[in-house]
Amino acid sequence: MSVKKMTFSGYTPRMKLIILDRDGVINRDSDHYIKNPDEWEPIPGSLNAIARLNQAGFRVVVATNQSGIGRGLFDMAMLNAIHARMHRALAQVGGRIDAVFYCPHAANSNCACRKPRAGMLLEIAERFETSLHGVPAVGDSLRDLQAAVAVGATPVLVRTGKGEATLRAGGLPDGVRVHADLLAVVEEVLS
């Protein structure tokens, strides 16, 4: 599959906004879920990438499926502790995440917020009072990309996490941009 390099030069929203999936984009993913703060480990370069976005005036928002809650693998207090570790690690490099949106439901719950459905992203648009048209939405799975397309955001696939397997599986939506990792995405967004 040939992947065409595209730029974000036409991206001129009311506010600079980027949406990131968490597991596989910011931190290492696990087939056994990230169940506690000790298991949360940033992907090299991801925290500095977020700090660069912040320095360039971007609002950075996370949209993440966390079905481990619905499966009973961890509770809300543990999810908050994991996110607290992420926020502390970002603060150490001068970065921040402006908001974390999550779906706590198991895959079989048929909720509107679990990606590939668009509920979480629509909530982001409402909360930030902005259109998501053209907003980069970065993920490592097909469902991340499908949710982005559903709201008119620009789907961006990173090869980290499950990204390489997602790319090999094919069936990606039209217009998907593919990058090695979050740092590579940020370099293009800021170019």
Protein backbone atom coordinates (compact mmCIF):
# COMPACT_ATOMS: atom_id res chain seq x y z
CA MET A 1 0.00 0.00 0.00
CA SER A 2 1.42 3.34 -0.98
CA VAL A 3 0.84 6.16 1.46
CA LYS A 4 0.83 9.69 0.15
CA LYS A 5 2.32 12.41 2.35
CA MET A 6 -0.16 15.21 2.86
CA THR A 7 0.12 18.43 4.77
CA PHE A 8 -2.21 20.16 7.16
CA SER A 9 -1.56 23.53 5.54
CA GLY A 10 -5.25 24.09 4.76
CA TYR A 11 -6.23 23.53 8.39
CA THR A 12 -7.44 26.90 9.76
CA PRO A 13 -9.99 26.31 12.54
CA ARG A 14 -11.32 28.84 15.03
CA MET A 15 -9.07 27.23 17.62
CA LYS A 16 -6.07 25.00 17.23
CA LEU A 17 -7.27 21.59 18.38
CA ILE A 18 -5.96 18.04 18.06
CA ILE A 19 -7.61 14.85 19.30
CA LEU A 20 -5.46 11.93 20.42
CA ASP A 21 -6.28 8.36 21.29
CA ARG A 22 -4.41 7.35 24.46
CA ASP A 23 -3.22 3.72 24.35
CA GLY A 24 -0.90 3.15 21.40
CA VAL A 25 -0.55 6.87 20.61
CA ILE A 26 0.62 8.52 23.85
CA ASN A 27 1.53 5.44 25.87
CA ARG A 28 2.39 1.85 25.12
CA ASP A 29 -0.64 -0.37 24.58
CA SER A 30 -1.26 -3.78 26.11
CA ASP A 31 -3.56 -6.60 25.06
CA HIS A 32 -4.12 -7.04 28.81
CA TYR A 33 -5.16 -3.38 29.26
CA ILE A 34 -3.42 -0.62 31.19
CA LYS A 35 -4.95 -1.37 34.61
CA ASN A 36 -2.88 0.77 36.98
CA PRO A 37 -0.44 3.70 36.93
CA ASP A 38 2.60 1.40 37.05
CA GLU A 39 1.59 -0.09 33.68
CA TRP A 40 1.31 3.33 32.03
CA GLU A 41 4.51 3.95 30.04
CA PRO A 42 4.84 6.77 27.49
CA ILE A 43 5.90 6.00 23.94
CA PRO A 44 9.29 7.64 23.35
CA GLY A 45 8.82 11.17 22.05
CA SER A 46 5.06 11.35 22.68
CA LEU A 47 5.21 13.61 25.72
CA ASN A 48 7.60 16.04 24.02
CA ALA A 49 5.31 16.00 20.96
CA ILE A 50 2.36 17.08 23.12
CA ALA A 51 4.47 19.80 24.77
CA ARG A 52 5.38 21.12 21.31
CA LEU A 53 1.69 21.26 20.39
CA ASN A 54 0.97 23.19 23.59
CA GLN A 55 3.79 25.63 22.87
CA ALA A 56 2.31 26.21 19.40
CA GLY A 57 -1.06 27.09 20.94
CA PHE A 58 -2.90 23.80 20.38
CA ARG A 59 -5.56 22.46 22.71
CA VAL A 60 -4.79 18.76 23.13
CA VAL A 61 -7.74 16.49 23.89
CA VAL A 62 -7.71 12.74 24.51
CA ALA A 63 -10.59 10.51 23.37
CA THR A 64 -10.11 6.95 24.61
CA ASN A 65 -12.13 3.75 24.85
CA GLN A 66 -11.58 2.28 28.33
CA SER A 67 -13.62 -0.92 28.27
CA GLY A 68 -11.52 -2.28 31.14
CA ILE A 69 -13.93 -0.39 33.40
CA GLY A 70 -16.97 -2.08 31.87
CA ARG A 71 -15.21 -5.44 32.07
CA GLY A 72 -14.45 -4.91 35.77
CA LEU A 73 -10.66 -4.94 35.32
CA PHE A 74 -10.27 -1.56 37.04
CA ASP A 75 -12.51 1.15 38.44
CA MET A 76 -12.88 4.90 37.99
CA ALA A 77 -10.48 5.65 40.84
CA MET A 78 -7.79 3.61 39.08
CA LEU A 79 -8.49 5.29 35.72
CA ASN A 80 -8.11 8.66 37.45
CA ALA A 81 -4.82 7.50 38.97
CA ILE A 82 -3.55 6.40 35.54
CA HIS A 83 -4.49 9.77 34.08
CA ALA A 84 -2.89 11.58 37.01
CA ARG A 85 0.38 9.81 36.18
CA MET A 86 0.02 10.85 32.54
CA HIS A 87 -0.62 14.49 33.52
CA ARG A 88 2.38 14.52 35.90
CA ALA A 89 4.67 13.06 33.23
CA LEU A 90 3.52 15.71 30.76
CA ALA A 91 4.01 18.51 33.26
CA GLN A 92 7.64 17.41 33.70
CA VAL A 93 8.31 18.20 30.03
CA GLY A 94 6.18 21.35 29.92
CA GLY A 95 3.12 19.74 28.34
CA ARG A 96 -0.52 19.33 29.22
CA ILE A 97 -3.71 17.69 28.05
CA ASP A 98 -6.68 20.04 28.13
CA ALA A 99 -9.33 17.34 28.55
CA VAL A 100 -9.70 13.57 28.64
CA PHE A 101 -12.90 12.05 27.26
CA TYR A 102 -13.39 8.33 27.76
CA CYS A 103 -15.91 5.60 27.12
CA PRO A 104 -16.11 3.20 30.10
CA HIS A 105 -18.41 0.72 28.36
CA ALA A 106 -17.59 -2.81 27.23
CA ALA A 107 -17.65 -3.49 23.50
CA ASN A 108 -21.02 -5.26 23.67
CA SER A 109 -22.81 -2.37 25.43
CA ASN A 110 -24.02 -0.72 22.19
CA CYS A 111 -23.34 2.77 23.59
CA ALA A 112 -23.03 5.88 21.44
CA CYS A 113 -19.67 6.96 22.88
CA ARG A 114 -17.46 3.95 22.13
CA LYS A 115 -15.33 4.47 19.05
CA PRO A 116 -15.95 3.78 16.12
CA ARG A 117 -19.16 5.62 17.01
CA ALA A 118 -18.84 9.37 17.12
CA GLY A 119 -20.40 10.21 20.51
CA MET A 120 -17.16 11.05 22.28
CA LEU A 121 -15.97 13.27 19.45
CA LEU A 122 -19.34 15.02 19.23
CA GLU A 123 -19.08 15.72 22.96
CA ILE A 124 -15.63 17.25 22.39
CA ALA A 125 -17.06 19.52 19.67
CA GLU A 126 -19.87 20.59 21.99
CA ARG A 127 -17.63 21.16 25.01
CA PHE A 128 -15.13 23.23 23.04
CA GLU A 129 -17.87 24.92 20.98
CA THR A 130 -16.12 24.22 17.69
CA SER A 131 -16.46 22.26 14.50
CA LEU A 132 -14.19 19.24 14.19
CA HIS A 133 -14.00 19.62 10.41
CA GLY A 134 -10.34 19.16 9.47
CA VAL A 135 -9.19 18.72 13.08
CA PRO A 136 -6.43 16.07 13.22
CA ALA A 137 -7.67 12.99 15.10
CA VAL A 138 -4.78 10.62 15.80
CA GLY A 139 -5.22 6.93 16.55
CA ASP A 140 -3.70 3.51 16.10
CA SER A 141 -6.83 1.52 15.22
CA LEU A 142 -9.47 1.46 12.52
CA ARG A 143 -12.16 2.47 15.01
CA ASP A 144 -10.24 5.67 15.84
CA LEU A 145 -10.13 6.55 12.15
CA GLN A 146 -13.80 5.71 11.58
CA ALA A 147 -14.89 7.96 14.44
CA ALA A 148 -12.78 10.80 13.01
CA VAL A 149 -14.32 10.44 9.56
CA ALA A 150 -17.84 10.39 11.05
CA VAL A 151 -17.39 13.94 12.39
CA GLY A 152 -15.38 15.38 9.49
CA ALA A 153 -12.07 15.33 11.36
CA THR A 154 -8.86 14.40 9.54
CA PRO A 155 -8.01 10.76 10.39
CA VAL A 156 -4.34 10.18 11.21
CA LEU A 157 -2.90 6.70 11.82
CA VAL A 158 0.30 6.20 13.79
CA ARG A 159 2.29 2.99 13.36
CA THR A 160 2.81 2.69 17.12
CA GLY A 161 0.55 0.54 19.29
CA LYS A 162 -1.78 -1.41 17.01
CA GLY A 163 -1.10 0.97 14.11
CA GLU A 164 1.17 -1.30 12.09
CA ALA A 165 -1.37 -4.15 12.28
CA THR A 166 -4.18 -1.71 11.37
CA LEU A 167 -2.22 -0.58 8.32
CA ARG A 168 -1.52 -4.18 7.23
CA ALA A 169 -5.19 -5.14 7.62
CA GLY A 170 -6.19 -2.48 5.08
CA GLY A 171 -9.67 -1.10 4.63
CA LEU A 172 -8.66 2.34 5.86
CA PRO A 173 -11.02 5.24 5.18
CA ASP A 174 -10.13 7.61 2.35
CA GLY A 175 -7.83 10.47 3.28
CA VAL A 176 -6.05 8.72 6.18
CA ARG A 177 -2.60 10.12 6.85
CA VAL A 178 -0.02 7.65 8.14
CA HIS A 179 2.96 8.53 10.34
CA ALA A 180 5.57 6.61 12.30
CA ASP A 181 4.48 8.04 15.65
CA LEU A 182 2.95 11.05 17.38
CA LEU A 183 6.16 13.04 17.12
CA ALA A 184 6.10 12.63 13.31
CA VAL A 185 2.46 13.77 13.25
CA VAL A 186 3.31 16.86 15.26
CA GLU A 187 6.24 17.72 13.01
CA GLU A 188 3.86 17.75 10.03
CA VAL A 189 1.09 19.61 11.84
CA LEU A 190 3.52 22.33 12.89
CA SER A 191 5.28 22.59 9.51
